[in-house]
Amino acid sequence: MTVCRGSIHSQHRHSPELNIRP
């Protein structure tokens, strides 16, 4: 899964749904 989404950049928080690195 790619983590290069505007949603993540907009939220900028560690959500369990979005597998973003710590």
PDB file of N, CA and C in Angstrom:
ATOM      1  N   MET A   1       0.837  -1.215   0.000  1.00  0.00           N
ATOM      2  CA  MET A   1       0.000   0.000   0.000  1.00  0.00           C
ATOM      3  C   MET A   1       0.869   1.260   0.000  1.00  0.00           C
ATOM      4  N   THR A   2       0.509   2.173  -0.877  1.00  0.00           N
ATOM      5  CA  THR A   2       1.292   3.413  -0.950  1.00  0.00           C
ATOM      6  C   THR A   2       0.806   4.412   0.104  1.00  0.00           C
ATOM      7  N   VAL A   3       1.743   5.098   0.716  1.00  0.00           N
ATOM      8  CA  VAL A   3       1.377   6.057   1.756  1.00  0.00           C
ATOM      9  C   VAL A   3       1.482   7.483   1.237  1.00  0.00           C
ATOM     10  N   CYS A   4       1.567   7.595  -0.097  1.00  0.00           N
ATOM     11  CA  CYS A   4       1.705   8.926  -0.699  1.00  0.00           C
ATOM     12  C   CYS A   4       0.330   9.472  -1.086  1.00  0.00           C
ATOM     13  N   ARG A   5      -0.523   9.687  -0.092  1.00  0.00           N
ATOM     14  CA  ARG A   5      -1.871  10.190  -0.375  1.00  0.00           C
ATOM     15  C   ARG A   5      -2.095  11.530   0.320  1.00  0.00           C
ATOM     16  N   GLY A   6      -2.875  12.383  -0.309  1.00  0.00           N
ATOM     17  CA  GLY A   6      -3.158  13.709   0.250  1.00  0.00           C
ATOM     18  C   GLY A   6      -3.886  13.611   1.581  1.00  0.00           C
ATOM     19  N   SER A   7      -4.697  12.540   1.723  1.00  0.00           N
ATOM     20  CA  SER A   7      -5.467  12.355   2.951  1.00  0.00           C
ATOM     21  C   SER A   7      -4.537  12.306   4.161  1.00  0.00           C
ATOM     22  N   ILE A   8      -3.461  11.529   4.029  1.00  0.00           N
ATOM     23  CA  ILE A   8      -2.514  11.373   5.132  1.00  0.00           C
ATOM     24  C   ILE A   8      -1.796  12.691   5.407  1.00  0.00           C
ATOM     25  N   HIS A   9      -1.394  13.367   4.339  1.00  0.00           N
ATOM     26  CA  HIS A   9      -0.696  14.638   4.497  1.00  0.00           C
ATOM     27  C   HIS A   9      -1.600  15.685   5.142  1.00  0.00           C
ATOM     28  N   SER A  10      -2.898  15.560   4.861  1.00  0.00           N
ATOM     29  CA  SER A  10      -3.858  16.517   5.407  1.00  0.00           C
ATOM     30  C   SER A  10      -4.107  16.243   6.892  1.00  0.00           C
ATOM     31  N   GLN A  11      -4.321  14.966   7.217  1.00  0.00           N
ATOM     32  CA  GLN A  11      -4.600  14.597   8.603  1.00  0.00           C
ATOM     33  C   GLN A  11      -3.334  14.688   9.448  1.00  0.00           C
ATOM     34  N   HIS A  12      -2.261  14.041   8.941  1.00  0.00           N
ATOM     35  CA  HIS A  12      -0.974  14.068   9.647  1.00  0.00           C
ATOM     36  C   HIS A  12      -1.098  13.478  11.038  1.00  0.00           C
ATOM     37  N   ARG A  13      -1.785  12.331  11.149  1.00  0.00           N
ATOM     38  CA  ARG A  13      -1.936  11.673  12.441  1.00  0.00           C
ATOM     39  C   ARG A  13      -1.809  10.165  12.265  1.00  0.00           C
ATOM     40  N   HIS A  14      -1.450   9.460  13.348  1.00  0.00           N
ATOM     41  CA  HIS A  14      -1.264   8.016  13.258  1.00  0.00           C
ATOM     42  C   HIS A  14      -2.599   7.296  13.407  1.00  0.00           C
ATOM     43  N   SER A  15      -3.234   7.016  12.284  1.00  0.00           N
ATOM     44  CA  SER A  15      -4.515   6.310  12.317  1.00  0.00           C
ATOM     45  C   SER A  15      -4.302   4.823  12.051  1.00  0.00           C
ATOM     46  N   PRO A  16      -5.006   3.978  12.789  1.00  0.00           N
ATOM     47  CA  PRO A  16      -4.902   2.526  12.632  1.00  0.00           C
ATOM     48  C   PRO A  16      -5.333   2.079  11.233  1.00  0.00           C
ATOM     49  N   GLU A  17      -6.254   2.841  10.630  1.00  0.00           N
ATOM     50  CA  GLU A  17      -6.737   2.490   9.293  1.00  0.00           C
ATOM     51  C   GLU A  17      -5.651   2.734   8.252  1.00  0.00           C
ATOM     52  N   LEU A  18      -4.909   3.826   8.429  1.00  0.00           N
ATOM     53  CA  LEU A  18      -3.847   4.151   7.476  1.00  0.00           C
ATOM     54  C   LEU A  18      -2.528   3.616   7.999  1.00  0.00           C
ATOM     55  N   ASN A  19      -1.987   2.644   7.291  1.00  0.00           N
ATOM     56  CA  ASN A  19      -0.730   2.026   7.724  1.00  0.00           C
ATOM     57  C   ASN A  19       0.448   2.957   7.460  1.00  0.00           C
ATOM     58  N   ILE A  20       0.558   4.020   8.248  1.00  0.00           N
ATOM     59  CA  ILE A  20       1.653   4.962   8.073  1.00  0.00           C
ATOM     60  C   ILE A  20       2.779   4.649   9.046  1.00  0.00           C
ATOM     61  N   ARG A  21       4.010   4.939   8.653  1.00  0.00           N
ATOM     62  CA  ARG A  21       5.141   4.626   9.532  1.00  0.00           C
ATOM     63  C   ARG A  21       5.195   5.609  10.704  1.00  0.00           C
ATOM     64  N   PRO A  22       5.616   5.120  11.867  1.00  0.00           N
ATOM     65  CA  PRO A  22       5.669   5.888  13.113  1.00  0.00           C
ATOM     66  C   PRO A  22       6.696   7.012  13.076  1.00  0.00           C
TER      67      PRO A  22
END
